[in-house]
C-alpha atoms as a PDB file:
ATOM      1  CA  MET A   1       0.012  -0.006   0.162  1.00  0.00           C
ATOM      2  CA  ALA A   2       1.400   3.345  -0.959  1.00  0.00           C
ATOM      3  CA  SER A   3       1.638   6.191   1.431  1.00  0.00           C
ATOM      4  CA  THR A   4       1.245  10.029   1.004  1.00  0.00           C
ATOM      5  CA  LEU A   5       4.723  11.863   1.178  1.00  0.00           C
ATOM      6  CA  THR A   6       3.732  15.158  -0.387  1.00  0.00           C
ATOM      7  CA  GLU A   7       0.673  17.130  -0.822  1.00  0.00           C
ATOM      8  CA  LEU A   8       0.877  20.428  -2.640  1.00  0.00           C
ATOM      9  CA  THR A   9      -2.184  22.855  -3.196  1.00  0.00           C
ATOM     10  CA  TRP A  10      -2.854  25.829  -5.391  1.00  0.00           C
ATOM     11  CA  PHE A  11      -5.948  28.115  -5.419  1.00  0.00           C
ATOM     12  CA  GLY A  12      -7.245  30.782  -7.638  1.00  0.00           C
ATOM     13  CA  GLU A  13     -10.430  32.816  -8.213  1.00  0.00           C
ATOM     14  CA  ASP A  14     -11.629  33.845 -11.477  1.00  0.00           C
ATOM     15  CA  VAL A  15      -8.974  31.862 -13.308  1.00  0.00           C
ATOM     16  CA  CYS A  16      -8.479  30.732 -17.021  1.00  0.00           C
ATOM     17  CA  LEU A  17      -7.745  27.183 -17.874  1.00  0.00           C
ATOM     18  CA  ALA A  18      -4.095  28.350 -18.791  1.00  0.00           C
ATOM     19  CA  ASP A  19      -3.850  29.221 -14.941  1.00  0.00           C
ATOM     20  CA  VAL A  20      -4.676  25.812 -13.794  1.00  0.00           C
ATOM     21  CA  ASP A  21      -2.458  24.040 -16.377  1.00  0.00           C
ATOM     22  CA  THR A  22       0.501  26.347 -15.207  1.00  0.00           C
ATOM     23  CA  ALA A  23      -0.228  25.629 -11.730  1.00  0.00           C
ATOM     24  CA  LEU A  24      -0.340  21.798 -12.081  1.00  0.00           C
ATOM     25  CA  ALA A  25       2.999  21.831 -13.967  1.00  0.00           C
ATOM     26  CA  ARG A  26       4.556  23.712 -11.153  1.00  0.00           C
ATOM     27  CA  LEU A  27       3.127  21.670  -8.419  1.00  0.00           C
ATOM     28  CA  ARG A  28       4.274  18.529 -10.319  1.00  0.00           C
ATOM     29  CA  ALA A  29       7.864  19.836 -10.748  1.00  0.00           C
ATOM     30  CA  GLN A  30       7.894  20.761  -7.056  1.00  0.00           C
ATOM     31  CA  ALA A  31       6.852  17.209  -6.119  1.00  0.00           C
ATOM     32  CA  ALA A  32       9.299  15.671  -8.456  1.00  0.00           C
ATOM     33  CA  ALA A  33      12.296  17.639  -7.239  1.00  0.00           C
ATOM     34  CA  GLU A  34      11.682  16.176  -3.625  1.00  0.00           C
ATOM     35  CA  SER A  35      12.449  12.471  -5.082  1.00  0.00           C
ATOM     36  CA  ALA A  36      12.466  10.471  -8.139  1.00  0.00           C
ATOM     37  CA  SER A  37       8.834  10.802  -8.735  1.00  0.00           C
ATOM     38  CA  MET A  38       7.130   9.599 -11.852  1.00  0.00           C
ATOM     39  CA  ARG A  39       3.856  10.606 -13.189  1.00  0.00           C
ATOM     40  CA  THR A  40       1.769   7.544 -14.102  1.00  0.00           C
ATOM     41  CA  SER A  41      -1.683   8.761 -14.811  1.00  0.00           C
ATOM     42  CA  VAL A  42      -3.702   5.934 -16.523  1.00  0.00           C
ATOM     43  CA  MET A  43      -6.881   8.029 -17.138  1.00  0.00           C
ATOM     44  CA  THR A  44      -8.611  11.479 -16.754  1.00  0.00           C
ATOM     45  CA  HIS A  45     -11.385  11.034 -14.253  1.00  0.00           C
ATOM     46  CA  LEU A  46     -14.063  13.642 -14.449  1.00  0.00           C
ATOM     47  CA  ALA A  47     -16.927  14.112 -11.949  1.00  0.00           C
ATOM     48  CA  TRP A  48     -19.986  16.412 -12.149  1.00  0.00           C
ATOM     49  CA  VAL A  49     -20.766  17.092  -8.625  1.00  0.00           C
ATOM     50  CA  PRO A  50     -23.985  19.165  -7.763  1.00  0.00           C
ATOM     51  CA  PRO A  51     -23.785  20.964  -4.292  1.00  0.00           C
ATOM     52  CA  ALA A  52     -25.654  18.133  -2.420  1.00  0.00           C
ATOM     53  CA  TRP A  53     -23.112  15.695  -3.558  1.00  0.00           C
ATOM     54  CA  VAL A  54     -19.873  17.432  -2.839  1.00  0.00           C
ATOM     55  CA  GLY A  55     -19.203  15.487   0.519  1.00  0.00           C
ATOM     56  CA  PRO A  56     -20.041  12.023  -0.803  1.00  0.00           C
ATOM     57  CA  ALA A  57     -17.969  12.604  -3.894  1.00  0.00           C
ATOM     58  CA  ARG A  58     -14.857  13.473  -1.963  1.00  0.00           C
ATOM     59  CA  ALA A  59     -15.381  10.539   0.485  1.00  0.00           C
ATOM     60  CA  ALA A  60     -15.540   8.280  -2.534  1.00  0.00           C
ATOM     61  CA  LEU A  61     -12.208   9.451  -3.999  1.00  0.00           C
ATOM     62  CA  GLU A  62     -10.497   8.897  -0.598  1.00  0.00           C
ATOM     63  CA  GLY A  63      -7.864   5.859  -0.872  1.00  0.00           C
ATOM     64  CA  MET A  64      -8.161   5.641  -4.778  1.00  0.00           C
ATOM     65  CA  ALA A  65      -5.251   7.681  -5.736  1.00  0.00           C
ATOM     66  CA  GLU A  66      -2.688   4.924  -5.315  1.00  0.00           C
ATOM     67  CA  ARG A  67      -4.804   2.396  -7.044  1.00  0.00           C
ATOM     68  CA  HIS A  68      -5.904   4.555 -10.089  1.00  0.00           C
ATOM     69  CA  PRO A  69      -3.187   7.311 -10.728  1.00  0.00           C
ATOM     70  CA  SER A  70      -4.924   9.937 -12.704  1.00  0.00           C
ATOM     71  CA  ARG A  71      -5.834  13.343 -13.260  1.00  0.00           C
ATOM     72  CA  THR A  72      -9.276  13.846 -11.467  1.00  0.00           C
ATOM     73  CA  ILE A  73     -11.167  16.893 -12.327  1.00  0.00           C
ATOM     74  CA  LEU A  74     -14.197  17.630  -9.934  1.00  0.00           C
ATOM     75  CA  LEU A  75     -16.830  19.933 -11.504  1.00  0.00           C
ATOM     76  CA  TYR A  76     -18.964  21.819  -9.143  1.00  0.00           C
ATOM     77  CA  PRO A  77     -21.797  23.652 -11.148  1.00  0.00           C
ATOM     78  CA  GLU A  78     -23.264  26.732  -9.557  1.00  0.00           C
ATOM     79  CA  PRO A  79     -25.617  28.018 -12.330  1.00  0.00           C
ATOM     80  CA  ASP A  80     -27.467  30.446 -10.152  1.00  0.00           C
ATOM     81  CA  ALA A  81     -24.493  32.323  -8.892  1.00  0.00           C
ATOM     82  CA  GLN A  82     -24.569  36.106  -9.356  1.00  0.00           C
ATOM     83  CA  ASP A  83     -21.493  36.191 -11.410  1.00  0.00           C
ATOM     84  CA  ASN A  84     -19.723  34.163 -14.267  1.00  0.00           C
ATOM     85  CA  ARG A  85     -16.293  32.834 -13.267  1.00  0.00           C
ATOM     86  CA  ILE A  86     -14.203  29.826 -12.607  1.00  0.00           C
ATOM     87  CA  ASP A  87     -12.712  29.146  -9.236  1.00  0.00           C
ATOM     88  CA  ALA A  88     -10.032  26.516  -9.111  1.00  0.00           C
ATOM     89  CA  GLN A  89      -8.041  24.329  -6.823  1.00  0.00           C
ATOM     90  CA  ALA A  90      -5.230  22.150  -7.898  1.00  0.00           C
ATOM     91  CA  GLU A  91      -3.815  19.468  -5.638  1.00  0.00           C
ATOM     92  CA  VAL A  92      -0.656  17.287  -6.490  1.00  0.00           C
ATOM     93  CA  GLU A  93       0.091  14.360  -4.293  1.00  0.00           C
ATOM     94  CA  ARG A  94       3.256  12.292  -4.257  1.00  0.00           C
ATOM     95  CA  TRP A  95       3.000   8.622  -3.201  1.00  0.00           C
ATOM     96  CA  GLU A  96       5.856   6.591  -2.042  1.00  0.00           C
ATOM     97  CA  VAL A  97       6.179   3.131  -3.889  1.00  0.00           C
ATOM     98  CA  PRO A  98       6.966   0.435  -1.337  1.00  0.00           C
ATOM     99  CA  ASP A  99      10.462  -1.086  -1.534  1.00  0.00           C
ATOM    100  CA  THR A 100      11.648   1.431  -3.972  1.00  0.00           C
ATOM    101  CA  ASP A 101      13.005   5.111  -3.891  1.00  0.00           C
ATOM    102  CA  ARG A 102      10.502   6.197  -6.346  1.00  0.00           C
ATOM    103  CA  GLY A 103       6.957   7.517  -6.043  1.00  0.00           C
ATOM    104  CA  LEU A 104       4.140   8.202  -8.124  1.00  0.00           C
ATOM    105  CA  VAL A 105       2.124  11.675  -8.643  1.00  0.00           C
ATOM    106  CA  THR A 106      -1.352  12.063  -8.927  1.00  0.00           C
ATOM    107  CA  GLU A 107      -3.595  15.306  -9.548  1.00  0.00           C
ATOM    108  CA  VAL A 108      -6.884  16.418  -8.445  1.00  0.00           C
ATOM    109  CA  VAL A 109      -8.453  19.715  -9.936  1.00  0.00           C
ATOM    110  CA  GLU A 110     -11.728  21.019  -8.514  1.00  0.00           C
ATOM    111  CA  LEU A 111     -13.380  23.527 -10.708  1.00  0.00           C
ATOM    112  CA  THR A 112     -16.371  25.660  -9.485  1.00  0.00           C
ATOM    113  CA  LEU A 113     -18.361  26.746 -12.535  1.00  0.00           C
ATOM    114  CA  ARG A 114     -20.260  29.909 -11.441  1.00  0.00           C
ATOM    115  CA  GLY A 115     -23.283  31.398 -13.543  1.00  0.00           C
ATOM    116  CA  SER A 116     -22.850  30.839 -17.440  1.00  0.00           C
ATOM    117  CA  ARG A 117     -19.582  28.965 -16.881  1.00  0.00           C
ATOM    118  CA  ALA A 118     -21.699  25.877 -15.677  1.00  0.00           C
ATOM    119  CA  ALA A 119     -23.372  25.875 -19.049  1.00  0.00           C
ATOM    120  CA  ALA A 120     -20.254  24.724 -21.118  1.00  0.00           C
ATOM    121  CA  PRO A 121     -18.424  22.160 -19.101  1.00  0.00           C
ATOM    122  CA  ALA A 122     -16.959  20.229 -22.012  1.00  0.00           C
ATOM    123  CA  SER A 123     -15.216  23.383 -23.543  1.00  0.00           C
ATOM    124  CA  ILE A 124     -13.756  24.050 -20.044  1.00  0.00           C
ATOM    125  CA  VAL A 125     -12.363  20.514 -19.274  1.00  0.00           C
ATOM    126  CA  GLU A 126     -11.170  19.578 -22.847  1.00  0.00           C
ATOM    127  CA  PRO A 127      -7.885  21.568 -22.236  1.00  0.00           C
ATOM    128  CA  LEU A 128      -7.147  19.566 -19.063  1.00  0.00           C
ATOM    129  CA  LEU A 129      -7.815  16.032 -20.497  1.00  0.00           C
ATOM    130  CA  ILE A 130      -4.752  14.123 -20.877  1.00  0.00           C
ATOM    131  CA  SER A 131      -4.109  13.167 -24.474  1.00  0.00           C
ATOM    132  CA  ASP A 132      -4.429   9.423 -25.593  1.00  0.00           C
ATOM    133  CA  LEU A 133      -5.808   8.360 -22.234  1.00  0.00           C
ATOM    134  CA  PRO A 134      -9.223   7.171 -21.612  1.00  0.00           C
ATOM    135  CA  VAL A 135     -11.779   9.494 -19.867  1.00  0.00           C
ATOM    136  CA  PHE A 136     -14.281   8.520 -17.166  1.00  0.00           C
ATOM    137  CA  LEU A 137     -17.117  10.596 -16.162  1.00  0.00           C
ATOM    138  CA  ARG A 138     -18.816   9.981 -12.790  1.00  0.00           C
ATOM    139  CA  TRP A 139     -22.185  11.838 -12.630  1.00  0.00           C
ATOM    140  CA  ARG A 140     -23.508  12.300  -9.142  1.00  0.00           C
ATOM    141  CA  GLY A 141     -27.345  12.311  -8.699  1.00  0.00           C
ATOM    142  CA  GLU A 142     -29.581  11.649 -11.702  1.00  0.00           C
ATOM    143  CA  PRO A 143     -28.552  13.331 -14.888  1.00  0.00           C
ATOM    144  CA  PRO A 144     -30.684  15.972 -16.397  1.00  0.00           C
ATOM    145  CA  TRP A 145     -31.367  13.914 -19.341  1.00  0.00           C
ATOM    146  CA  ASP A 146     -32.205  16.684 -21.788  1.00  0.00           C
ATOM    147  CA  ALA A 147     -29.670  19.231 -20.399  1.00  0.00           C
ATOM    148  CA  PRO A 148     -26.854  20.229 -22.829  1.00  0.00           C
ATOM    149  CA  GLU A 149     -24.300  19.873 -19.915  1.00  0.00           C
ATOM    150  CA  LEU A 150     -24.941  15.974 -20.126  1.00  0.00           C
ATOM    151  CA  GLU A 151     -24.472  15.757 -23.938  1.00  0.00           C
ATOM    152  CA  GLN A 152     -21.420  17.815 -23.830  1.00  0.00           C
ATOM    153  CA  LEU A 153     -19.690  15.921 -21.285  1.00  0.00           C
ATOM    154  CA  VAL A 154     -20.814  12.489 -22.739  1.00  0.00           C
ATOM    155  CA  GLY A 155     -19.197  13.598 -26.012  1.00  0.00           C
ATOM    156  CA  VAL A 156     -15.709  13.808 -24.550  1.00  0.00           C
ATOM    157  CA  THR A 157     -16.162  10.684 -22.344  1.00  0.00           C
ATOM    158  CA  ASP A 158     -15.474   7.056 -22.995  1.00  0.00           C
ATOM    159  CA  ARG A 159     -17.247   5.756 -19.905  1.00  0.00           C
ATOM    160  CA  LEU A 160     -20.090   7.130 -18.090  1.00  0.00           C
ATOM    161  CA  ILE A 161     -20.506   5.999 -14.356  1.00  0.00           C
ATOM    162  CA  VAL A 162     -23.747   6.699 -12.529  1.00  0.00           C
ATOM    163  CA  ASP A 163     -25.500   5.261  -9.431  1.00  0.00           C
ATOM    164  CA  SER A 164     -29.168   4.830 -10.064  1.00  0.00           C
ATOM    165  CA  THR A 165     -29.607   4.401  -6.220  1.00  0.00           C
ATOM    166  CA  GLU A 166     -29.458   8.197  -6.418  1.00  0.00           C
ATOM    167  CA  TRP A 167     -32.272   8.579  -8.905  1.00  0.00           C
ATOM    168  CA  ASP A 168     -36.048   9.170  -7.899  1.00  0.00           C
ATOM    169  CA  ASP A 169     -37.687   7.670 -10.944  1.00  0.00           C
ATOM    170  CA  VAL A 170     -36.764   4.035 -11.713  1.00  0.00           C
ATOM    171  CA  PRO A 171     -37.291   2.212 -13.692  1.00  0.00           C
ATOM    172  CA  GLY A 172     -38.528   5.094 -15.878  1.00  0.00           C
ATOM    173  CA  SER A 173     -35.003   6.705 -15.855  1.00  0.00           C
ATOM    174  CA  TYR A 174     -33.420   3.646 -17.371  1.00  0.00           C
ATOM    175  CA  ARG A 175     -35.159   4.345 -20.597  1.00  0.00           C
ATOM    176  CA  ARG A 176     -33.348   7.561 -20.852  1.00  0.00           C
ATOM    177  CA  LEU A 177     -29.852   5.881 -19.729  1.00  0.00           C
ATOM    178  CA  ALA A 178     -30.301   3.257 -22.481  1.00  0.00           C
ATOM    179  CA  GLU A 179     -30.488   6.116 -25.130  1.00  0.00           C
ATOM    180  CA  LEU A 180     -26.708   6.758 -24.132  1.00  0.00           C
ATOM    181  CA  PHE A 181     -25.670   3.197 -24.661  1.00  0.00           C
ATOM    182  CA  GLN A 182     -24.635   4.006 -28.335  1.00  0.00           C
ATOM    183  CA  LEU A 183     -22.674   7.108 -27.199  1.00  0.00           C
ATOM    184  CA  CYS A 184     -20.505   5.799 -24.618  1.00  0.00           C
ATOM    185  CA  ALA A 185     -19.952   2.756 -22.211  1.00  0.00           C
ATOM    186  CA  ALA A 186     -21.982   2.916 -19.214  1.00  0.00           C
ATOM    187  CA  SER A 187     -21.525   1.654 -15.492  1.00  0.00           C
ATOM    188  CA  ASP A 188     -23.899   1.814 -12.775  1.00  0.00           C
ATOM    189  CA  ILE A 189     -22.702   1.533  -9.251  1.00  0.00           C
ATOM    190  CA  ALA A 190     -26.116   0.216  -7.956  1.00  0.00           C
ATOM    191  CA  TRP A 191     -25.674  -2.604 -10.458  1.00  0.00           C
ATOM    192  CA  ALA A 192     -22.093  -3.288  -9.097  1.00  0.00           C
ATOM    193  CA  ARG A 193     -23.709  -3.828  -5.723  1.00  0.00           C
ATOM    194  CA  THR A 194     -25.889  -6.544  -6.952  1.00  0.00           C
ATOM    195  CA  SER A 195     -22.941  -8.616  -8.176  1.00  0.00           C
ATOM    196  CA  ARG A 196     -22.664 -10.943  -5.127  1.00  0.00           C
ATOM    197  CA  TRP A 197     -26.337 -11.673  -5.553  1.00  0.00           C
ATOM    198  CA  ARG A 198     -26.399 -12.296  -9.217  1.00  0.00           C
ATOM    199  CA  GLU A 199     -23.421 -14.729  -8.814  1.00  0.00           C
ATOM    200  CA  HIS A 200     -25.351 -16.447  -6.141  1.00  0.00           C
ATOM    201  CA  LEU A 201     -28.671 -16.624  -8.079  1.00  0.00           C
ATOM    202  CA  ALA A 202     -26.863 -18.070 -10.959  1.00  0.00           C
ATOM    203  CA  THR A 203     -25.834 -21.089  -8.892  1.00  0.00           C
ATOM    204  CA  LEU A 204     -29.423 -21.855  -8.458  1.00  0.00           C
ATOM    205  CA  TRP A 205     -30.019 -22.761 -11.946  1.00  0.00           C
ATOM    206  CA  PRO A 206     -31.948 -24.677 -13.321  1.00  0.00           C
ATOM    207  CA  ALA A 207     -34.348 -24.615 -10.283  1.00  0.00           C
ATOM    208  CA  ILE A 208     -34.989 -20.738 -10.847  1.00  0.00           C
ATOM    209  CA  GLU A 209     -36.120 -21.057 -14.715  1.00  0.00           C
ATOM    210  CA  ASP A 210     -39.828 -20.973 -13.827  1.00  0.00           C
ATOM    211  CA  VAL A 211     -39.753 -18.174 -11.397  1.00  0.00           C
ATOM    212  CA  ARG A 212     -42.778 -15.903 -11.440  1.00  0.00           C
ATOM    213  CA  THR A 213     -42.048 -13.190  -8.861  1.00  0.00           C
ATOM    214  CA  MET A 214     -38.884 -11.732  -7.333  1.00  0.00           C
ATOM    215  CA  ARG A 215     -39.101  -9.716  -4.171  1.00  0.00           C
ATOM    216  CA  VAL A 216     -35.998  -7.604  -3.251  1.00  0.00           C
ATOM    217  CA  ARG A 217     -35.210  -6.018  -0.006  1.00  0.00           C
ATOM    218  CA  GLY A 218     -33.001  -3.172  -0.872  1.00  0.00           C
ATOM    219  CA  THR A 219     -33.062   0.165  -3.027  1.00  0.00           C
ATOM    220  CA  ALA A 220     -35.592   0.433  -5.982  1.00  0.00           C
ATOM    221  CA  ALA A 221     -32.556   0.379  -8.276  1.00  0.00           C
ATOM    222  CA  GLN A 222     -31.388  -2.821  -7.088  1.00  0.00           C
ATOM    223  CA  ALA A 223     -34.872  -4.416  -7.196  1.00  0.00           C
ATOM    224  CA  TRP A 224     -35.511  -3.186 -10.701  1.00  0.00           C
ATOM    225  CA  LEU A 225     -31.864  -4.121 -11.828  1.00  0.00           C
ATOM    226  CA  LEU A 226     -31.996  -7.607 -10.391  1.00  0.00           C
ATOM    227  CA  CYS A 227     -35.196  -8.499 -11.796  1.00  0.00           C
ATOM    228  CA  GLY A 228     -34.139  -6.984 -15.204  1.00  0.00           C
ATOM    229  CA  TRP A 229     -31.119  -9.227 -14.977  1.00  0.00           C
ATOM    230  CA  LEU A 230     -33.394 -12.361 -14.271  1.00  0.00           C
ATOM    231  CA  ARG A 231     -35.646 -11.437 -17.002  1.00  0.00           C
ATOM    232  CA  SER A 232     -33.016 -10.963 -19.555  1.00  0.00           C
ATOM    233  CA  ARG A 233     -31.053 -14.243 -18.606  1.00  0.00           C
ATOM    234  CA  LEU A 234     -34.255 -16.375 -18.557  1.00  0.00           C
ATOM    235  CA  GLY A 235     -35.687 -14.512 -21.645  1.00  0.00           C
ATOM    236  CA  ARG A 236     -39.093 -13.946 -19.693  1.00  0.00           C
ATOM    237  CA  GLU A 237     -40.300 -10.386 -19.522  1.00  0.00           C
ATOM    238  CA  GLU A 238     -43.364 -11.464 -17.472  1.00  0.00           C
ATOM    239  CA  ILE A 239     -41.310 -12.089 -14.186  1.00  0.00           C
ATOM    240  CA  ALA A 240     -42.807  -9.573 -11.749  1.00  0.00           C
ATOM    241  CA  VAL A 241     -40.718  -7.444  -9.103  1.00  0.00           C
ATOM    242  CA  GLU A 242     -41.856  -6.536  -5.707  1.00  0.00           C
ATOM    243  CA  HIS A 243     -39.903  -4.113  -3.559  1.00  0.00           C
ATOM    244  CA  ASP A 244     -39.199  -3.743   0.181  1.00  0.00           C
ATOM    245  CA  PRO A 245     -37.484  -0.293   0.699  1.00  0.00           C
ATOM    246  CA  ALA A 246     -33.999  -0.653   2.357  1.00  0.00           C
ATOM    247  CA  GLU A 247     -30.795   1.324   2.114  1.00  0.00           C
ATOM    248  CA  ARG A 248     -28.815  -1.712   1.168  1.00  0.00           C
ATOM    249  CA  LEU A 249     -29.406  -5.147  -0.578  1.00  0.00           C
ATOM    250  CA  GLU A 250     -30.445  -7.225   2.328  1.00  0.00           C
ATOM    251  CA  GLY A 251     -32.463  -9.974   0.811  1.00  0.00           C
ATOM    252  CA  VAL A 252     -34.208 -11.715  -2.167  1.00  0.00           C
ATOM    253  CA  THR A 253     -37.168 -13.973  -2.336  1.00  0.00           C
ATOM    254  CA  LEU A 254     -38.236 -16.017  -5.304  1.00  0.00           C
ATOM    255  CA  ASP A 255     -41.920 -17.093  -5.551  1.00  0.00           C
ATOM    256  CA  GLY A 256     -42.164 -16.597  -1.682  1.00  0.00           C
ATOM    257  CA  GLU A 257     -39.029 -18.505  -0.802  1.00  0.00           C
ATOM    258  CA  ALA A 258     -36.063 -16.664   0.858  1.00  0.00           C
ATOM    259  CA  VAL A 259     -32.699 -17.112  -0.958  1.00  0.00           C
ATOM    260  CA  PRO A 260     -29.939 -17.737   1.454  1.00  0.00           C
ATOM    261  CA  LEU A 261     -27.438 -14.938   1.832  1.00  0.00           C
ATOM    262  CA  PRO A 262     -24.490 -14.741  -0.610  1.00  0.00           C
ATOM    263  CA  PRO A 263     -20.860 -15.149   0.874  1.00  0.00           C
ATOM    264  CA  GLY A 264     -18.760 -12.118   1.510  1.00  0.00           C
ATOM    265  CA  ASP A 265     -19.401  -8.585   2.619  1.00  0.00           C
ATOM    266  CA  PRO A 266     -20.788  -5.510   0.455  1.00  0.00           C
ATOM    267  CA  PRO A 267     -17.794  -3.487  -0.841  1.00  0.00           C
ATOM    268  CA  ALA A 268     -16.931   0.158   0.279  1.00  0.00           C
ATOM    269  CA  PRO A 269     -18.005   3.008  -1.892  1.00  0.00           C
ATOM    270  CA  SER A 270     -14.346   3.723  -2.869  1.00  0.00           C
ATOM    271  CA  ASP A 271     -13.971   0.139  -3.761  1.00  0.00           C
ATOM    272  CA  VAL A 272     -16.861  -0.080  -6.137  1.00  0.00           C
ATOM    273  CA  LEU A 273     -15.762   3.066  -7.855  1.00  0.00           C
ATOM    274  CA  SER A 274     -12.306   1.670  -8.141  1.00  0.00           C
ATOM    275  CA  ASP A 275     -13.673  -1.442  -9.825  1.00  0.00           C
ATOM    276  CA  GLU A 276     -15.758   0.612 -12.366  1.00  0.00           C
ATOM    277  CA  LEU A 277     -12.721   2.601 -13.183  1.00  0.00           C
ATOM    278  CA  GLU A 278     -10.973  -0.794 -14.407  1.00  0.00           C
ATOM    279  CA  ARG A 279     -13.897  -1.440 -16.945  1.00  0.00           C
ATOM    280  CA  PHE A 280     -13.112  -0.064 -20.318  1.00  0.00           C
ATOM    281  CA  THR A 281     -15.851  -1.780 -22.712  1.00  0.00           C
ATOM    282  CA  PRO A 282     -19.410  -1.815 -22.776  1.00  0.00           C
ATOM    283  CA  ASP A 283     -21.294  -4.324 -20.457  1.00  0.00           C
ATOM    284  CA  PRO A 284     -23.956  -6.079 -22.516  1.00  0.00           C
ATOM    285  CA  VAL A 285     -25.293  -7.921 -19.501  1.00  0.00           C
ATOM    286  CA  TYR A 286     -26.008  -4.694 -17.830  1.00  0.00           C
ATOM    287  CA  GLU A 287     -27.282  -3.139 -20.803  1.00  0.00           C
ATOM    288  CA  ALA A 288     -29.766  -6.139 -21.360  1.00  0.00           C
ATOM    289  CA  SER A 289     -30.878  -5.860 -17.766  1.00  0.00           C
ATOM    290  CA  VAL A 290     -31.609  -2.183 -18.070  1.00  0.00           C
ATOM    291  CA  LEU A 291     -33.599  -2.760 -21.059  1.00  0.00           C
ATOM    292  CA  ALA A 292     -35.371  -5.664 -19.538  1.00  0.00           C
ATOM    293  CA  ALA A 293     -36.190  -3.451 -16.473  1.00  0.00           C
ATOM    294  CA  THR A 294     -38.120  -1.020 -18.715  1.00  0.00           C
ATOM    295  CA  THR A 295     -39.982  -3.186 -21.142  1.00  0.00           C
ATOM    296  CA  SER A 296     -42.492  -4.793 -18.954  1.00  0.00           C
ATOM    297  CA  PRO A 297     -45.038  -3.084 -16.612  1.00  0.00           C
ATOM    298  CA  PRO A 298     -44.445  -2.726 -12.947  1.00  0.00           C
ATOM    299  CA  GLY A 299     -45.097  -5.888 -10.712  1.00  0.00           C
ATOM    300  CA  PRO A 300     -47.628  -5.670  -7.872  1.00  0.00           C
END
């Protein structure tokens, strides 16, 4: 496990992107001067973070730097601000690589987009993207499906990462998400959190091939995605879903019979996001599950 040796920070108000790039270059040089550091970014990680999600977004990033050295750009939109400007903070961290005299350097840029600057995020971040490396976009909360901000950022993104547990309108919102499947690969943290249960349910084949009703105690997103997965895997859209609300996935019942708990513990938020940042191609099973969750009427 790497450990932080150096943390260097710069802050500016009403900046231009050249100011940010210059600050990053200076901080990297300062960090590298302290030892034989190496910059090993493997991606650009964007995050669109409305005010309500600032705390959770920062918490999810903790502990990820040494696993995914990257340039992380956090976008904080404030479209109702009374002025039009960009405030920025740049942070460079140098991590020690165990059993070597070298380190790796990671970068975090936080951009507060005030007023009209929040309406053109793609043009703002494009100069900061690392050339020839994949771009991941984490969107906190439910995307505004018809907003130009979403269209712009998807246009510069290789993979969109959402968490449909944060959405109010599932399964209806899955129809809008499915419209993006042709534009970029998509990941859903709510889907990732069902992985232990999906693997466990698959071991029950063929006893589950005639299931009529799936009852899920968990979030609404987990209930619909698990049922969509079962529908798509069995090719039976008529399977009904029943939902018992809970903050986490706690149980599954098939036709009134409880399924034993799967082995293992639920992963931490940072671990889930870390896993999603290792996926570079579309997930056809997830896409089929999303579509199956939307093509049948709701269950009882």
